[in-house]
C-alpha atoms as a PDB file:
ATOM      1  CA  MET A   1      88.315  -4.446   5.742  1.00  0.00           C
ATOM      2  CA  ARG A   2      88.611  -7.459   8.040  1.00  0.00           C
ATOM      3  CA  ILE A   3      87.408 -11.040   7.578  1.00  0.00           C
ATOM      4  CA  HIS A   4      83.686 -11.342   8.465  1.00  0.00           C
ATOM      5  CA  GLU A   5      83.315  -7.552   8.399  1.00  0.00           C
ATOM      6  CA  THR A   6      80.433  -6.139   6.336  1.00  0.00           C
ATOM      7  CA  VAL A   7      80.526  -2.722   4.687  1.00  0.00           C
ATOM      8  CA  GLU A   8      78.056  -0.752   2.611  1.00  0.00           C
ATOM      9  CA  ALA A   9      79.289   0.849  -0.613  1.00  0.00           C
ATOM     10  CA  LEU A  10      77.094   3.656  -1.965  1.00  0.00           C
ATOM     11  CA  ILE A  11      77.444   4.606  -5.643  1.00  0.00           C
ATOM     12  CA  PRO A  12      75.886   7.933  -6.704  1.00  0.00           C
ATOM     13  CA  PRO A  13      73.833   7.967  -9.943  1.00  0.00           C
ATOM     14  CA  GLU A  14      76.471   9.883 -11.911  1.00  0.00           C
ATOM     15  CA  LEU A  15      78.937   7.024 -11.374  1.00  0.00           C
ATOM     16  CA  ALA A  16      76.491   4.140 -11.942  1.00  0.00           C
ATOM     17  CA  TRP A  17      77.007   3.742 -15.675  1.00  0.00           C
ATOM     18  CA  GLY A  18      75.701   0.884 -17.793  1.00  0.00           C
ATOM     19  CA  ALA A  19      77.522  -0.499 -20.808  1.00  0.00           C
ATOM     20  CA  ILE A  20      80.082   1.766 -22.460  1.00  0.00           C
ATOM     21  CA  GLY A  21      78.342   4.847 -23.852  1.00  0.00           C
ATOM     22  CA  ASN A  22      75.012   4.203 -22.110  1.00  0.00           C
ATOM     23  CA  PRO A  23      73.532   6.624 -19.574  1.00  0.00           C
ATOM     24  CA  PRO A  24      73.387   5.843 -15.841  1.00  0.00           C
ATOM     25  CA  LEU A  25      71.122   2.957 -14.881  1.00  0.00           C
ATOM     26  CA  VAL A  26      70.142   4.500 -11.551  1.00  0.00           C
ATOM     27  CA  PRO A  27      67.548   7.319 -11.361  1.00  0.00           C
ATOM     28  CA  GLY A  28      68.955  10.696 -10.309  1.00  0.00           C
ATOM     29  CA  ASN A  29      67.260  10.624  -6.916  1.00  0.00           C
ATOM     30  CA  LYS A  30      68.501   7.129  -5.915  1.00  0.00           C
ATOM     31  CA  MET A  31      71.777   5.493  -4.864  1.00  0.00           C
ATOM     32  CA  LEU A  32      73.162   2.126  -5.950  1.00  0.00           C
ATOM     33  CA  THR A  33      74.044   0.175  -2.794  1.00  0.00           C
ATOM     34  CA  PHE A  34      76.314  -2.851  -2.446  1.00  0.00           C
ATOM     35  CA  ILE A  35      76.520  -4.751   0.835  1.00  0.00           C
ATOM     36  CA  VAL A  36      79.929  -6.440   0.870  1.00  0.00           C
ATOM     37  CA  SER A  37      81.035  -9.082   3.354  1.00  0.00           C
ATOM     38  CA  LEU A  38      84.619 -10.388   3.380  1.00  0.00           C
ATOM     39  CA  ARG A  39      84.400 -14.124   4.026  1.00  0.00           C
ATOM     40  CA  GLU A  40      87.954 -15.251   3.448  1.00  0.00           C
ATOM     41  CA  ILE A  41      91.205 -14.275   1.834  1.00  0.00           C
ATOM     42  CA  GLY A  42      92.765 -16.594  -0.728  1.00  0.00           C
ATOM     43  CA  GLU A  43      93.616 -17.056  -4.366  1.00  0.00           C
ATOM     44  CA  SER A  44      90.900 -16.510  -6.935  1.00  0.00           C
ATOM     45  CA  ALA A  45      89.418 -19.536  -8.675  1.00  0.00           C
ATOM     46  CA  THR A  46      89.379 -17.453 -11.847  1.00  0.00           C
ATOM     47  CA  LYS A  47      93.110 -16.747 -11.731  1.00  0.00           C
ATOM     48  CA  PRO A  48      94.457 -16.889 -15.306  1.00  0.00           C
ATOM     49  CA  GLY A  49      95.618 -20.355 -16.213  1.00  0.00           C
ATOM     50  CA  THR A  50      93.558 -22.165 -13.555  1.00  0.00           C
ATOM     51  CA  GLY A  51      90.337 -22.614 -15.462  1.00  0.00           C
END
């Protein structure tokens, strides 16, 4: 993936699990879709030890 590139990630129902031990949250005839856009590359603000 390149900076400013957008991709679509499709997750089938059998992989779209809720909390541990719970059944899928997505109906069997649907897909869970994430639209992901890479804006920049750098260190995470949530890196351990940085707050």
